[in-house]
Amino acid sequence: MTEYTHPLTGMKSCMPPDPDTKTPKFKAPAGACDAHCHVFGPHEVFPYHPKSTYHPPDGPKEKLAALHKHLGIDRAVIVQASCHGPDNRAMMDAIASNPDNYRGVCIANDSFTDEEFADLDAGGVRGIRFNFVTHLGGTPDLDMMRRVLARVKPLGWHLVIHVNAEDIIKFQDFFLEFDMDIIVDHMGRVPTSNGVHQEAFSILKQFVSRDNWWVKICGSERISAAGPPFYDAVPYAQELVEIAPDRVLWGTDWPHPNIKTFMPNDGDLLDLVPLLARDEALQKKILVDNPARLYGFE
């Protein structure tokens, strides 16, 4: 895929999602949750952050709701993406449109007041995300991160870390400092080309064996070396599910920002679930029970 140029701004951007979502063969159980998705813009209403490293096509709440209706998914956790930075308004607007079935994970820093954190919590936010990924700005200020986490921990929030494989190795001692629920995005972005015995994946499995660590078995398209239908990512997810079936989540990652090679089809991604979790009880845990427990869905 070539680099995408936004038609209105002329800025270099990421590719739009596949608009022709397939109807999945797998039928998600009632109450299924897409525990990792985003909303972008519309940028005329919710501008992108001036320091964003990418400028995606709009992916508003209406398109997200239409996707979930097509896939048969009832609930969602909207994760604040770095293109909006700490301006969480687009995410909060989306949650407010379906407050019973939507929750959020914000981006924030220590300029936020206690009142602002309380407002985010009241609006459905249940976690805070920090990006370590190089193309999204790289390592955050670690002392700032410590200060913020100390402030949001009393709210019962969890920490979401978006890391590359090398970050898992470099920051493993730092991550172990935090006595709170920690969720790793996209299976730690461990490349399948390095094999299941790579150091980063071994550390990730040690993390997930701890009672306060969770992992999202999404992002198959991000770690795959083989391309669609991303079967080379399946063994990684299966190992993580075996270690911690009660602390595993799944999501689409719609609208798939910064995909450089193969834009996935969300119907195909949902059809991976029976391979990642090989019986109905596990599938229900990952899609329904685990997110309901963590995010407080009825």
Protein backbone atom coordinates (compact mmCIF):
# COMPACT_ATOMS: atom_id res chain seq x y z
CA MET A 1 0.00 0.00 0.00
CA THR A 2 1.18 3.48 -0.74
CA GLU A 3 1.11 6.38 1.67
CA TYR A 4 -2.28 8.05 1.84
CA THR A 5 -2.78 11.80 1.43
CA HIS A 6 -5.81 13.33 3.11
CA PRO A 7 -8.05 14.81 0.36
CA LEU A 8 -8.94 17.96 2.35
CA THR A 9 -5.74 18.84 4.16
CA GLY A 10 -3.09 17.35 1.87
CA MET A 11 -1.34 15.93 4.96
CA LYS A 12 0.31 12.55 4.84
CA SER A 13 -1.95 10.11 6.60
CA CYS A 14 -2.82 6.49 7.14
CA MET A 15 -4.98 4.40 4.85
CA PRO A 16 -8.74 4.28 5.42
CA PRO A 17 -10.28 1.00 6.61
CA ASP A 18 -11.69 -1.55 4.17
CA PRO A 19 -15.21 -0.21 3.47
CA ASP A 20 -16.62 -3.58 2.37
CA THR A 21 -16.83 -5.44 5.67
CA LYS A 22 -17.47 -9.11 5.12
CA THR A 23 -20.27 -10.85 6.97
CA PRO A 24 -18.39 -13.11 9.37
CA LYS A 25 -19.08 -16.83 9.45
CA PHE A 26 -18.54 -16.78 13.23
CA LYS A 27 -21.57 -15.56 15.18
CA ALA A 28 -20.49 -13.58 18.22
CA PRO A 29 -22.32 -14.41 21.46
CA ALA A 30 -24.84 -11.95 22.89
CA GLY A 31 -23.10 -9.14 24.75
CA ALA A 32 -19.88 -9.46 22.73
CA CYS A 33 -17.50 -6.54 23.12
CA ASP A 34 -15.02 -4.99 20.73
CA ALA A 35 -12.53 -4.08 23.46
CA HIS A 36 -10.17 -2.11 21.23
CA CYS A 37 -11.49 0.35 18.66
CA HIS A 38 -11.15 4.05 17.95
CA VAL A 39 -13.09 7.05 16.75
CA PHE A 40 -11.38 9.70 14.62
CA GLY A 41 -12.93 13.13 14.22
CA PRO A 42 -14.76 14.28 12.28
CA HIS A 43 -11.76 16.56 12.29
CA GLU A 44 -13.84 19.67 11.60
CA VAL A 45 -15.52 19.10 14.98
CA PHE A 46 -12.75 17.30 16.88
CA PRO A 47 -9.42 18.45 15.39
CA TYR A 48 -6.38 16.23 15.43
CA HIS A 49 -3.60 17.12 17.83
CA PRO A 50 -1.02 19.52 16.36
CA LYS A 51 1.80 17.17 17.40
CA SER A 52 0.16 14.05 15.97
CA THR A 53 2.50 11.98 13.80
CA TYR A 54 -0.38 11.01 11.49
CA HIS A 55 -3.65 12.48 10.23
CA PRO A 56 -6.19 9.72 9.59
CA PRO A 57 -9.34 9.88 7.49
CA ASP A 58 -12.37 10.53 9.67
CA GLY A 59 -13.70 7.48 11.49
CA PRO A 60 -16.69 8.88 13.39
CA LYS A 61 -18.97 7.20 15.90
CA GLU A 62 -21.67 6.56 13.30
CA LYS A 63 -19.36 4.43 11.17
CA LEU A 64 -18.16 2.54 14.24
CA ALA A 65 -21.75 1.77 15.26
CA ALA A 66 -22.56 0.59 11.72
CA LEU A 67 -19.53 -1.71 11.73
CA HIS A 68 -20.56 -3.29 15.03
CA LYS A 69 -24.12 -3.78 13.84
CA HIS A 70 -22.82 -5.60 10.75
CA LEU A 71 -20.48 -7.78 12.82
CA GLY A 72 -23.09 -8.57 15.49
CA ILE A 73 -21.13 -6.92 18.31
CA ASP A 74 -23.10 -5.24 21.11
CA ARG A 75 -20.49 -3.40 23.20
CA ALA A 76 -17.27 -1.49 22.69
CA VAL A 77 -14.30 0.01 24.48
CA ILE A 78 -13.18 3.11 22.62
CA VAL A 79 -9.46 3.66 23.04
CA GLN A 80 -8.13 7.18 22.67
CA ALA A 81 -5.63 7.25 19.82
CA SER A 82 -2.54 9.42 19.66
CA CYS A 83 -3.80 11.49 16.71
CA HIS A 84 -6.19 13.20 19.14
CA GLY A 85 -3.60 13.28 21.93
CA PRO A 86 -4.98 14.22 25.36
CA ASP A 87 -8.04 15.88 23.82
CA ASN A 88 -10.55 13.14 24.65
CA ARG A 89 -13.66 14.92 23.36
CA ALA A 90 -14.31 12.71 20.32
CA MET A 91 -14.09 9.58 22.47
CA MET A 92 -16.32 11.06 25.17
CA ASP A 93 -18.88 12.16 22.59
CA ALA A 94 -18.99 8.63 21.21
CA ILE A 95 -19.45 7.08 24.66
CA ALA A 96 -22.27 9.52 25.42
CA SER A 97 -24.11 8.30 22.32
CA ASN A 98 -24.39 4.78 23.82
CA PRO A 99 -23.48 4.98 27.51
CA ASP A 100 -24.83 1.56 28.48
CA ASN A 101 -22.69 -0.25 25.92
CA TYR A 102 -19.61 1.95 25.47
CA ARG A 103 -16.65 2.54 27.76
CA GLY A 104 -13.39 4.39 27.17
CA VAL A 105 -9.64 4.46 27.71
CA CYS A 106 -8.22 7.98 27.71
CA ILE A 107 -4.90 9.67 27.09
CA ALA A 108 -3.95 12.17 29.78
CA ASN A 109 -1.00 13.86 31.45
CA ASP A 110 -0.30 15.60 34.72
CA SER A 111 -1.81 18.89 33.51
CA PHE A 112 -5.25 17.31 34.09
CA THR A 113 -7.04 18.42 37.24
CA ASP A 114 -8.72 16.03 39.65
CA GLU A 115 -12.04 17.40 38.42
CA GLU A 116 -11.15 16.55 34.83
CA PHE A 117 -10.27 13.00 35.81
CA ALA A 118 -13.55 12.74 37.74
CA ASP A 119 -15.47 13.97 34.68
CA LEU A 120 -13.78 11.36 32.48
CA ASP A 121 -14.66 8.67 35.00
CA ALA A 122 -18.29 9.81 35.17
CA GLY A 123 -18.40 9.76 31.36
CA GLY A 124 -17.40 6.11 31.13
CA VAL A 125 -13.60 6.11 31.10
CA ARG A 126 -12.10 3.16 32.94
CA GLY A 127 -8.45 3.25 31.96
CA ILE A 128 -5.56 5.39 30.74
CA ARG A 129 -3.25 4.59 27.84
CA PHE A 130 0.43 5.35 27.37
CA ASN A 131 2.16 4.91 24.02
CA PHE A 132 5.76 3.71 23.85
CA VAL A 133 5.69 2.99 20.10
CA THR A 134 8.36 4.93 18.22
CA HIS A 135 6.25 6.07 15.27
CA LEU A 136 3.67 7.51 17.67
CA GLY A 137 6.16 9.63 19.56
CA GLY A 138 8.12 7.09 21.56
CA THR A 139 8.69 6.71 25.27
CA PRO A 140 6.58 8.99 27.48
CA ASP A 141 7.97 10.94 30.41
CA LEU A 142 8.22 8.09 32.92
CA ASP A 143 8.07 10.31 36.00
CA MET A 144 4.95 12.02 34.64
CA MET A 145 3.46 8.60 33.97
CA ARG A 146 4.12 7.56 37.58
CA ARG A 147 2.46 10.73 38.89
CA VAL A 148 -0.62 10.32 36.71
CA LEU A 149 -1.08 6.65 37.56
CA ALA A 150 -0.90 7.44 41.28
CA ARG A 151 -3.75 9.91 40.77
CA VAL A 152 -6.06 7.68 38.72
CA LYS A 153 -5.51 4.47 40.67
CA PRO A 154 -8.06 5.50 43.37
CA LEU A 155 -10.67 5.74 40.59
CA GLY A 156 -10.21 2.02 39.95
CA TRP A 157 -8.77 2.66 36.51
CA HIS A 158 -6.34 0.36 34.74
CA LEU A 159 -3.21 1.09 32.73
CA VAL A 160 -3.08 0.27 29.01
CA ILE A 161 0.38 0.08 27.44
CA HIS A 162 0.94 0.27 23.70
CA VAL A 163 4.42 -1.12 23.17
CA ASN A 164 6.66 -2.68 20.58
CA ALA A 165 8.52 -5.90 21.34
CA GLU A 166 11.72 -4.03 22.19
CA ASP A 167 9.84 -1.90 24.74
CA ILE A 168 8.73 -5.03 26.61
CA ILE A 169 12.39 -5.94 27.03
CA LYS A 170 13.68 -2.45 27.81
CA PHE A 171 10.97 -1.40 30.27
CA GLN A 172 10.07 -4.70 31.94
CA ASP A 173 11.27 -3.56 35.39
CA PHE A 174 9.47 -0.23 35.04
CA PHE A 175 6.16 -1.89 34.16
CA LEU A 176 6.43 -4.15 37.19
CA GLU A 177 6.42 -1.10 39.48
CA PHE A 178 2.66 -0.65 39.15
CA ASP A 179 0.24 -2.38 41.48
CA MET A 180 -2.85 -2.03 39.29
CA ASP A 181 -4.45 -3.84 36.39
CA ILE A 182 -2.23 -3.51 33.30
CA ILE A 183 -3.40 -4.34 29.78
CA VAL A 184 -1.01 -4.93 26.89
CA ASP A 185 -2.29 -3.88 23.48
CA HIS A 186 -1.94 -6.04 20.35
CA MET A 187 -0.09 -8.98 21.95
CA GLY A 188 2.83 -6.63 22.61
CA ARG A 189 3.36 -6.22 18.86
CA VAL A 190 5.78 -9.15 18.91
CA PRO A 191 6.68 -9.93 15.27
CA THR A 192 5.84 -13.46 14.22
CA SER A 193 9.00 -13.44 12.12
CA ASN A 194 10.99 -13.75 15.36
CA GLY A 195 9.20 -16.91 16.50
CA VAL A 196 7.33 -17.89 19.65
CA HIS A 197 10.58 -18.29 21.59
CA GLN A 198 11.66 -14.66 21.14
CA GLU A 199 12.65 -12.83 24.31
CA ALA A 200 9.87 -10.24 24.18
CA PHE A 201 7.14 -12.89 23.92
CA SER A 202 8.66 -14.86 26.79
CA ILE A 203 8.61 -11.73 28.97
CA LEU A 204 5.04 -10.97 27.88
CA LYS A 205 3.95 -14.47 28.95
CA GLN A 206 5.63 -13.92 32.33
CA PHE A 207 3.73 -10.66 32.69
CA VAL A 208 0.40 -12.24 31.77
CA SER A 209 0.92 -15.03 34.31
CA ARG A 210 0.59 -12.34 37.03
CA ASP A 211 -2.91 -11.76 38.41
CA ASN A 212 -3.01 -8.05 37.51
CA TRP A 213 -1.88 -8.38 33.88
CA TRP A 214 -4.22 -8.61 30.90
CA VAL A 215 -3.58 -8.84 27.17
CA LYS A 216 -5.54 -8.06 24.02
CA ILE A 217 -5.32 -10.81 21.42
CA CYS A 218 -6.02 -8.34 18.64
CA GLY A 219 -3.56 -6.90 16.16
CA SER A 220 -2.94 -10.16 14.32
CA GLU A 221 -2.45 -8.04 11.21
CA ARG A 222 0.18 -5.98 13.03
CA ILE A 223 2.39 -8.87 14.10
CA SER A 224 1.88 -11.13 11.08
CA ALA A 225 4.67 -11.72 8.59
CA ALA A 226 2.54 -13.89 6.30
CA GLY A 227 -0.29 -11.45 5.59
CA PRO A 228 -4.01 -12.25 5.29
CA PRO A 229 -5.64 -14.21 6.83
CA PHE A 230 -2.89 -13.74 9.45
CA TYR A 231 -2.79 -17.35 10.59
CA ASP A 232 0.82 -17.01 11.72
CA ALA A 233 -0.43 -14.85 14.63
CA VAL A 234 -2.74 -17.59 15.91
CA PRO A 235 -0.18 -19.57 18.00
CA TYR A 236 0.75 -16.42 19.93
CA ALA A 237 -2.83 -15.71 20.87
CA GLN A 238 -3.45 -19.34 21.77
CA GLU A 239 -0.52 -19.37 24.19
CA LEU A 240 -1.73 -16.19 25.88
CA VAL A 241 -5.27 -17.54 26.19
CA GLU A 242 -3.94 -20.73 27.75
CA ILE A 243 -2.01 -18.77 30.38
CA ALA A 244 -4.73 -16.31 31.39
CA PRO A 245 -8.16 -17.09 29.92
CA ASP A 246 -9.83 -14.79 32.48
CA ARG A 247 -7.63 -11.80 31.56
CA VAL A 248 -7.78 -11.79 27.78
CA LEU A 249 -9.68 -9.29 25.61
CA TRP A 250 -10.27 -9.04 21.86
CA GLY A 251 -10.90 -6.08 19.57
CA THR A 252 -10.97 -5.03 15.95
CA ASP A 253 -8.64 -2.01 16.20
CA TRP A 254 -10.99 -0.29 13.72
CA PRO A 255 -10.25 1.89 11.76
CA HIS A 256 -6.78 0.33 11.76
CA PRO A 257 -4.48 3.37 11.91
CA ASN A 258 -1.00 3.21 10.42
CA ILE A 259 -1.35 -0.10 8.62
CA LYS A 260 1.50 -0.15 6.12
CA THR A 261 1.01 -3.44 4.27
CA PHE A 262 -2.28 -5.38 4.38
CA MET A 263 -5.41 -3.53 5.47
CA PRO A 264 -7.49 -6.21 7.26
CA ASN A 265 -11.17 -6.82 6.74
CA ASP A 266 -13.02 -6.70 10.06
CA GLY A 267 -15.19 -9.67 9.11
CA ASP A 268 -12.05 -11.75 8.63
CA LEU A 269 -10.67 -10.60 11.98
CA LEU A 270 -13.81 -11.73 13.79
CA ASP A 271 -13.56 -15.06 11.99
CA LEU A 272 -10.14 -15.56 13.60
CA VAL A 273 -11.74 -15.74 17.05
CA PRO A 274 -12.64 -19.47 16.87
CA LEU A 275 -8.99 -20.16 16.09
CA LEU A 276 -7.63 -17.93 18.84
CA ALA A 277 -10.04 -19.39 21.42
CA ARG A 278 -11.03 -22.88 20.40
CA ASP A 279 -14.25 -23.58 22.31
CA GLU A 280 -17.46 -21.69 22.95
CA ALA A 281 -16.82 -21.23 26.66
CA LEU A 282 -13.47 -19.53 25.99
CA GLN A 283 -14.97 -17.42 23.25
CA LYS A 284 -17.68 -16.19 25.61
CA LYS A 285 -15.10 -15.41 28.30
CA ILE A 286 -13.00 -13.31 25.95
CA LEU A 287 -15.80 -11.55 24.09
CA VAL A 288 -18.38 -11.15 26.88
CA ASP A 289 -17.41 -12.05 30.43
CA ASN A 290 -13.92 -10.59 30.69
CA PRO A 291 -14.76 -7.14 29.27
CA ALA A 292 -18.01 -7.04 31.27
CA ARG A 293 -16.08 -7.65 34.49
CA LEU A 294 -13.31 -5.17 33.72
CA TYR A 295 -15.48 -2.37 32.30
CA GLY A 296 -18.63 -2.77 34.36
CA PHE A 297 -21.11 -3.72 31.66
CA GLU A 298 -24.39 -5.05 32.94
